Protein backbone atom coordinates (compact mmCIF):
# COMPACT_ATOMS: atom_id res chain seq x y z
CA UNK A 1 6.11 33.61 -26.88
CA UNK A 2 3.83 32.65 -29.75
CA UNK A 3 0.06 32.46 -29.33
CA UNK A 4 0.13 28.67 -29.46
CA UNK A 5 2.70 28.53 -26.62
CA UNK A 6 0.48 30.80 -24.54
CA UNK A 7 -2.44 28.43 -25.20
CA UNK A 8 -0.30 25.45 -24.22
CA UNK A 9 0.56 27.12 -20.90
CA UNK A 10 -3.10 28.03 -20.28
CA UNK A 11 -4.36 24.51 -21.03
CA UNK A 12 -1.49 22.96 -19.05
CA UNK A 13 -2.46 25.02 -16.00
CA UNK A 14 -6.11 24.11 -16.59
CA UNK A 15 -5.09 20.46 -16.58
CA UNK A 16 -3.10 21.03 -13.38
CA UNK A 17 -6.08 22.71 -11.74
CA UNK A 18 -8.34 19.80 -12.71
CA UNK A 19 -5.65 17.39 -11.55
CA UNK A 20 -5.78 19.15 -8.19
CA UNK A 21 -9.49 18.67 -7.55
CA UNK A 22 -9.60 15.35 -9.44
CA UNK A 23 -6.87 13.83 -7.26
CA UNK A 24 -7.61 15.65 -4.00
CA UNK A 25 -9.52 12.55 -2.93
CA UNK A 26 -6.32 10.51 -3.13
CA UNK A 27 -4.73 12.28 -0.20
CA UNK A 28 -7.66 13.28 1.99
CA UNK A 29 -10.62 10.95 1.35
CA UNK A 30 -9.71 8.52 4.11
CA UNK A 31 -8.95 11.41 6.49
CA UNK A 32 -12.35 13.00 5.85
CA UNK A 33 -14.39 9.82 6.02
CA UNK A 34 -12.72 8.63 9.22
CA UNK A 35 -13.41 12.10 10.68
CA UNK A 36 -9.76 12.70 11.47
CA UNK A 37 -10.19 16.19 9.99
CA UNK A 38 -13.14 18.30 8.83
CA UNK A 39 -13.27 18.48 5.04
CA UNK A 40 -12.29 22.17 4.88
CA UNK A 41 -9.18 21.59 7.01
CA UNK A 42 -8.29 18.45 5.08
CA UNK A 43 -8.51 20.28 1.74
CA UNK A 44 -6.42 23.18 3.07
CA UNK A 45 -3.78 20.74 4.33
CA UNK A 46 -3.69 18.93 0.98
CA UNK A 47 -3.42 22.20 -0.96
CA UNK A 48 -0.48 23.42 1.13
CA UNK A 49 1.38 20.12 0.97
CA UNK A 50 0.75 19.77 -2.79
CA UNK A 51 2.23 23.23 -3.26
CA UNK A 52 5.34 22.45 -1.22
CA UNK A 53 5.84 19.05 -2.83
CA UNK A 54 5.88 20.56 -6.31
CA UNK A 55 9.26 22.24 -5.62
CA UNK A 56 11.14 19.21 -4.34
CA UNK A 57 12.64 17.65 -7.50
CA UNK A 58 12.64 17.70 -11.30
CA UNK A 59 13.17 14.04 -12.19
CA UNK A 60 9.58 13.25 -13.18
CA UNK A 61 9.34 16.49 -15.18
CA UNK A 62 12.52 15.56 -17.05
CA UNK A 63 11.02 12.16 -17.89
CA UNK A 64 7.96 13.83 -19.41
CA UNK A 65 9.89 16.52 -21.27
CA UNK A 66 12.79 14.41 -22.57
CA UNK A 67 12.09 10.72 -21.99
CA UNK A 68 8.97 9.89 -24.05
CA UNK A 69 9.16 11.66 -27.41
CA UNK A 70 12.34 11.54 -29.51
CA UNK A 71 14.24 14.87 -29.41
CA UNK A 72 15.44 14.05 -32.93
CA UNK A 73 11.86 14.50 -34.16
CA UNK A 74 10.51 17.58 -32.34
CA UNK A 75 6.76 18.13 -32.14
CA UNK A 76 4.85 21.17 -33.29
CA UNK A 77 3.40 23.06 -30.36
CA UNK A 78 -0.19 22.37 -31.38
CA UNK A 79 0.45 18.64 -30.81
CA UNK A 80 1.17 19.32 -27.15
CA UNK A 81 -1.96 21.44 -27.01
CA UNK A 82 -3.97 18.55 -28.48
CA UNK A 83 -2.54 16.20 -25.85
CA UNK A 84 -3.56 18.54 -23.05
CA UNK A 85 -7.09 18.88 -24.39
CA UNK A 86 -7.41 15.11 -24.67
CA UNK A 87 -6.17 14.58 -21.10
CA UNK A 88 -8.50 17.27 -19.76
CA UNK A 89 -11.49 15.65 -21.48
CA UNK A 90 -10.70 12.25 -19.95
CA UNK A 91 -10.17 13.73 -16.49
CA UNK A 92 -13.48 15.60 -16.59
CA UNK A 93 -15.33 12.50 -17.82
CA UNK A 94 -13.97 10.28 -15.03
CA UNK A 95 -14.54 13.02 -12.43
CA UNK A 96 -18.16 13.35 -13.58
CA UNK A 97 -18.57 9.59 -13.26
CA UNK A 98 -16.92 9.64 -9.82
CA UNK A 99 -14.22 7.17 -10.92
CA UNK A 100 -10.71 7.60 -9.48
CA UNK A 101 -8.75 7.37 -12.73
CA UNK A 102 -5.14 8.36 -13.34
CA UNK A 103 -4.48 11.95 -14.40
CA UNK A 104 -0.88 10.95 -14.98
CA UNK A 105 -1.66 8.22 -17.48
CA UNK A 106 -4.29 10.40 -19.13
CA UNK A 107 -1.64 13.04 -19.82
CA UNK A 108 1.03 10.57 -20.90
CA UNK A 109 -1.39 8.56 -23.05
CA UNK A 110 -2.71 11.70 -24.74
CA UNK A 111 0.85 12.89 -25.45
CA UNK A 112 1.83 9.53 -26.98
CA UNK A 113 -1.35 9.34 -29.06
CA UNK A 114 -0.99 12.92 -30.26
CA UNK A 115 2.68 12.36 -31.18
CA UNK A 116 1.92 9.18 -33.15
CA UNK A 117 -0.90 10.92 -35.03
CA UNK A 118 1.33 13.91 -35.79
CA UNK A 119 4.28 11.87 -37.07
CA UNK A 120 1.99 9.62 -39.09
CA UNK A 121 0.11 12.47 -40.77
CA UNK A 122 3.35 14.33 -41.46
CA UNK A 123 4.96 11.28 -43.10
CA UNK A 124 1.93 9.39 -44.35
CA UNK A 125 3.40 6.21 -42.83
CA UNK A 126 2.17 4.75 -39.53
CA UNK A 127 5.53 3.13 -38.76
CA UNK A 128 7.22 6.54 -38.83
CA UNK A 129 4.68 7.80 -36.33
CA UNK A 130 5.40 4.87 -34.05
CA UNK A 131 9.17 5.35 -34.44
CA UNK A 132 8.91 8.87 -33.03
CA UNK A 133 8.14 7.48 -29.58
CA UNK A 134 10.91 6.48 -27.17
CA UNK A 135 9.43 3.08 -26.36
CA UNK A 136 12.21 2.09 -23.96
CA UNK A 137 11.53 5.20 -21.88
CA UNK A 138 7.78 4.59 -22.04
CA UNK A 139 8.23 0.98 -20.92
CA UNK A 140 10.71 1.63 -18.13
CA UNK A 141 9.35 4.90 -16.79
CA UNK A 142 5.60 4.49 -17.38
CA UNK A 143 4.37 0.98 -18.15
CA UNK A 144 6.44 -0.98 -15.62
CA UNK A 145 5.78 1.50 -12.77
CA UNK A 146 2.11 1.60 -13.79
CA UNK A 147 1.89 -2.17 -13.30
CA UNK A 148 4.12 -2.51 -10.25
CA UNK A 149 3.16 0.52 -8.13
CA UNK A 150 -0.41 -0.61 -7.33
CA UNK A 151 0.81 -4.15 -6.60
CA UNK A 152 3.47 -2.78 -4.25
CA UNK A 153 0.92 -0.39 -2.71
CA UNK A 154 -1.55 -3.23 -2.09
CA UNK A 155 1.09 -5.55 -0.61
CA UNK A 156 2.69 -2.87 1.57
CA UNK A 157 -0.67 -1.68 2.94
CA UNK A 158 -1.70 -5.29 3.61
CA UNK A 159 1.52 -5.93 5.57
CA UNK A 160 1.37 -2.63 7.46
CA UNK A 161 -2.24 -3.32 8.45
CA UNK A 162 -1.40 -6.85 9.61
CA UNK A 163 1.52 -5.48 11.65
CA UNK A 164 -0.70 -2.87 13.29
CA UNK A 165 -3.27 -5.53 14.14
CA UNK A 166 -0.55 -7.62 15.80
CA UNK A 167 1.13 -4.77 17.70
CA UNK A 168 -2.07 -3.17 18.97
CA UNK A 169 -4.16 -6.29 19.54
CA UNK A 170 -4.11 -5.86 23.33
CA UNK A 171 -4.69 -2.11 23.33
CA UNK A 172 -8.00 -0.43 24.10
CA UNK A 173 -9.83 0.10 20.81
CA UNK A 174 -11.05 3.58 21.72
CA UNK A 175 -7.59 4.81 22.71
CA UNK A 176 -6.04 3.23 19.62
CA UNK A 177 -8.54 4.96 17.34
CA UNK A 178 -7.83 8.29 19.02
CA UNK A 179 -4.07 7.92 18.54
CA UNK A 180 -4.36 6.90 14.90
CA UNK A 181 -6.84 9.68 14.21
CA UNK A 182 -4.06 12.12 15.09
CA UNK A 183 -1.44 10.16 13.21
CA UNK A 184 -3.69 10.18 10.16
CA UNK A 185 -3.31 13.93 9.84
CA UNK A 186 0.43 13.34 9.39
CA UNK A 187 -0.08 10.49 6.92
CA UNK A 188 -2.57 12.55 4.90
CA UNK A 189 -0.04 15.39 4.72
CA UNK A 190 2.58 12.88 3.55
CA UNK A 191 0.32 11.66 0.71
CA UNK A 192 -0.49 15.22 -0.36
CA UNK A 193 3.21 16.14 -0.32
CA UNK A 194 4.08 13.03 -2.33
CA UNK A 195 1.28 13.84 -4.77
CA UNK A 196 2.82 17.26 -5.32
CA UNK A 197 6.31 15.84 -5.89
CA UNK A 198 5.04 13.49 -8.61
CA UNK A 199 1.90 14.88 -10.21
CA UNK A 200 2.78 18.58 -10.38
CA UNK A 201 5.97 17.72 -12.23
CA UNK A 202 4.10 16.15 -15.14
CA UNK A 203 2.60 19.46 -16.15
CA UNK A 204 5.94 21.16 -15.62
CA UNK A 205 7.38 18.62 -18.05
CA UNK A 206 4.69 19.29 -20.65
CA UNK A 207 5.22 23.06 -20.51
CA UNK A 208 9.00 22.59 -20.64
CA UNK A 209 8.61 20.29 -23.66
CA UNK A 210 6.57 22.97 -25.46
CA UNK A 211 9.06 25.72 -24.57
CA UNK A 212 11.99 23.57 -25.70
CA UNK A 213 10.47 22.48 -29.03
CA UNK A 214 9.58 26.09 -29.83
CA UNK A 215 13.14 27.26 -29.12
CA UNK A 216 12.26 29.41 -26.10
CA UNK A 217 14.65 27.51 -23.82
CA UNK A 218 17.52 27.28 -26.28
CA UNK A 219 19.51 24.05 -26.27
CA UNK A 220 18.87 23.02 -22.66
CA UNK A 221 15.46 21.77 -21.60
CA UNK A 222 15.75 23.08 -18.04
CA UNK A 223 12.65 23.85 -16.01
CA UNK A 224 12.28 27.59 -15.36
CA UNK A 225 11.31 28.63 -11.84
CA UNK A 226 8.18 30.40 -13.08
CA UNK A 227 6.96 27.10 -14.57
CA UNK A 228 7.38 25.39 -11.21
CA UNK A 229 5.61 28.23 -9.43
CA UNK A 230 2.55 28.45 -11.68
CA UNK A 231 2.13 24.66 -11.76
CA UNK A 232 2.36 24.46 -7.97
CA UNK A 233 -0.19 27.26 -7.62
CA UNK A 234 -2.57 25.70 -10.15
CA UNK A 235 -2.48 22.34 -8.38
CA UNK A 236 -2.95 23.94 -4.96
CA UNK A 237 -5.91 25.99 -6.21
CA UNK A 238 -7.45 22.93 -7.83
CA UNK A 239 -6.97 20.97 -4.64
CA UNK A 240 -8.74 23.71 -2.68
CA UNK A 241 -11.75 23.25 -4.97
CA UNK A 242 -12.26 19.77 -3.50
CA UNK A 243 -13.45 16.79 -5.48
CA UNK A 244 -16.19 15.21 -3.44
CA UNK A 245 -17.47 12.83 -6.15
CA UNK A 246 -14.24 10.84 -6.24
CA UNK A 247 -13.69 11.35 -2.52
CA UNK A 248 -16.93 9.50 -1.82
CA UNK A 249 -15.74 6.50 -3.86
CA UNK A 250 -12.32 6.46 -2.21
CA UNK A 251 -13.60 7.11 1.30
CA UNK A 252 -16.14 4.34 1.62
CA UNK A 253 -16.92 2.91 -1.79
CA UNK A 254 -14.06 0.38 -1.78
CA UNK A 255 -13.99 -0.67 1.87
CA UNK A 256 -15.22 0.63 5.22
CA UNK A 257 -12.42 2.69 6.72
CA UNK A 258 -11.51 3.73 10.23
CA UNK A 259 -8.58 5.85 11.42
CA UNK A 260 -6.25 2.84 11.74
CA UNK A 261 -6.94 1.63 8.21
CA UNK A 262 -6.76 5.18 6.89
CA UNK A 263 -3.33 5.69 8.43
CA UNK A 264 -2.04 2.38 7.04
CA UNK A 265 -3.37 3.13 3.54
CA UNK A 266 -2.00 6.67 3.46
CA UNK A 267 1.41 5.78 4.87
CA UNK A 268 1.83 2.92 2.41
CA UNK A 269 0.75 4.91 -0.64
CA UNK A 270 2.92 7.91 0.31
CA UNK A 271 5.91 5.57 0.57
CA UNK A 272 5.25 4.06 -2.86
CA UNK A 273 4.80 7.47 -4.50
CA UNK A 274 8.01 8.87 -3.01
CA UNK A 275 10.05 5.82 -4.05
CA UNK A 276 8.74 6.05 -7.61
CA UNK A 277 9.40 9.81 -7.67
CA UNK A 278 13.01 9.11 -6.65
CA UNK A 279 13.18 6.78 -9.67
CA UNK A 280 11.82 9.61 -11.89
CA UNK A 281 8.74 7.50 -12.71
CA UNK A 282 5.50 9.45 -13.33
CA UNK A 283 3.15 7.03 -11.58
CA UNK A 284 -0.53 7.32 -10.76
CA UNK A 285 -1.16 8.52 -7.22
CA UNK A 286 -4.73 7.35 -7.78
CA UNK A 287 -3.56 3.78 -8.34
CA UNK A 288 -1.23 3.90 -5.34
CA UNK A 289 -3.87 5.04 -2.85
CA UNK A 290 -6.68 2.92 -4.35
CA UNK A 291 -4.55 -0.21 -4.17
CA UNK A 292 -3.50 0.65 -0.61
CA UNK A 293 -7.14 1.04 0.43
CA UNK A 294 -7.88 -2.40 -1.07
CA UNK A 295 -4.84 -3.75 0.76
CA UNK A 296 -5.95 -2.58 4.22
CA UNK A 297 -9.45 -3.86 3.57
CA UNK A 298 -8.12 -7.27 2.54
CA UNK A 299 -5.96 -7.42 5.66
CA UNK A 300 -9.16 -7.37 7.71
CA UNK A 301 -10.88 -9.92 5.48
CA UNK A 302 -11.27 -10.28 1.72
CA UNK A 303 -15.03 -9.79 1.90
CA UNK A 304 -14.43 -6.38 3.49
CA UNK A 305 -13.50 -5.03 0.05
CA UNK A 306 -16.23 -4.07 -2.40
CA UNK A 307 -14.73 -6.01 -5.27
CA UNK A 308 -17.38 -4.81 -7.73
CA UNK A 309 -16.27 -1.23 -7.09
CA UNK A 310 -12.64 -2.35 -7.18
CA UNK A 311 -13.33 -4.00 -10.54
CA UNK A 312 -14.69 -0.72 -11.94
CA UNK A 313 -11.55 1.08 -10.76
CA UNK A 314 -9.29 -1.58 -12.28
CA UNK A 315 -11.10 -1.39 -15.61
CA UNK A 316 -10.64 2.38 -15.63
CA UNK A 317 -6.92 1.95 -14.96
CA UNK A 318 -6.61 -0.36 -17.96
CA UNK A 319 -8.75 1.82 -20.24
CA UNK A 320 -7.20 5.19 -19.36
CA UNK A 321 -3.98 4.87 -21.38
CA UNK A 322 -5.52 3.72 -24.70
CA UNK A 323 -8.56 6.00 -24.32
CA UNK A 324 -6.40 9.06 -23.72
CA UNK A 325 -4.12 8.05 -26.61
CA UNK A 326 -7.16 8.02 -28.88
CA UNK A 327 -8.29 11.42 -27.58
CA UNK A 328 -4.83 12.93 -28.08
CA UNK A 329 -4.71 11.62 -31.66
CA UNK A 330 -8.27 12.83 -32.32
CA UNK A 331 -7.54 16.38 -31.22
CA UNK A 332 -4.41 16.52 -33.37
CA UNK A 333 -6.60 15.75 -36.38
CA UNK A 334 -9.29 18.20 -35.26
CA UNK A 335 -6.80 21.06 -34.80
CA UNK A 336 -5.16 20.32 -38.14
CA UNK A 337 -8.56 20.34 -39.88
CA UNK A 338 -9.92 23.47 -38.20
CA UNK A 339 -6.78 25.61 -38.32
CA UNK A 340 -5.13 24.09 -41.44
CA UNK A 341 -1.81 23.56 -39.67
């Protein structure tokens, strides 16, 4: 492997590690704040399930490696490196601010921005840069799922919560809470597993894209086992590092949660993530769980949701894709200037 490929792998695993602690809150925040599990046990559960989930399928990874950038116009490896740096910067910024943003859209946005900048600089024509992107794939596999998955997550969580209210209306509240506290361990594991099946594959796809464009994989952009293994390990290690800043926002910043609401939110978001993974769509687990939390809060009453906090989250969702595109493009220009590539 060339030095640049080694750097791509290192930065990709760094991104995966950050993705682990950045998105840990998605799967365990409600479990921790409803006291269904101590934080150490919840993090260990999420790490194990993330690791296992990473080996389940390759569809999302194939979308990243072959469905966004035209194979007829291969990228130089430094462009992928620039995309990773841009995505890492956005993830660290939103983590520092305690905002549950989308690691997925940060990575995809940075890749698209870096590719457009690369093609444009190489040709001197912006339209050529734009033509290098597979816009149909971006629309069908990224933009449409990005818009629909939180809506589905919100609606499903709202309906599940309403159903639980109806079915358990006559039950003793204390006994109900105890039952759902145990069930929430299962639902948290399901979210963490789903997170691994979707999010870990994005980094696998990026590394595979770099290996393919550099000729390491030959003519077939298959995903080597060692790529799956190191990505799964990086995400699990990152998850074990926690992510309390975002966890605090997810756990009680949006709405006040109990074990029943936590179970409904986690079950709904896990379902949405798994369906989208089956469709090979690299969605945001952050959006799925955030929308589900808003959904269970709204099922109780609309005023139960902190809509100011929800507004901040929604703004971050909208901003993430263009902001990461700009960062990806910026780092392409920086690398070209510094290293004269």
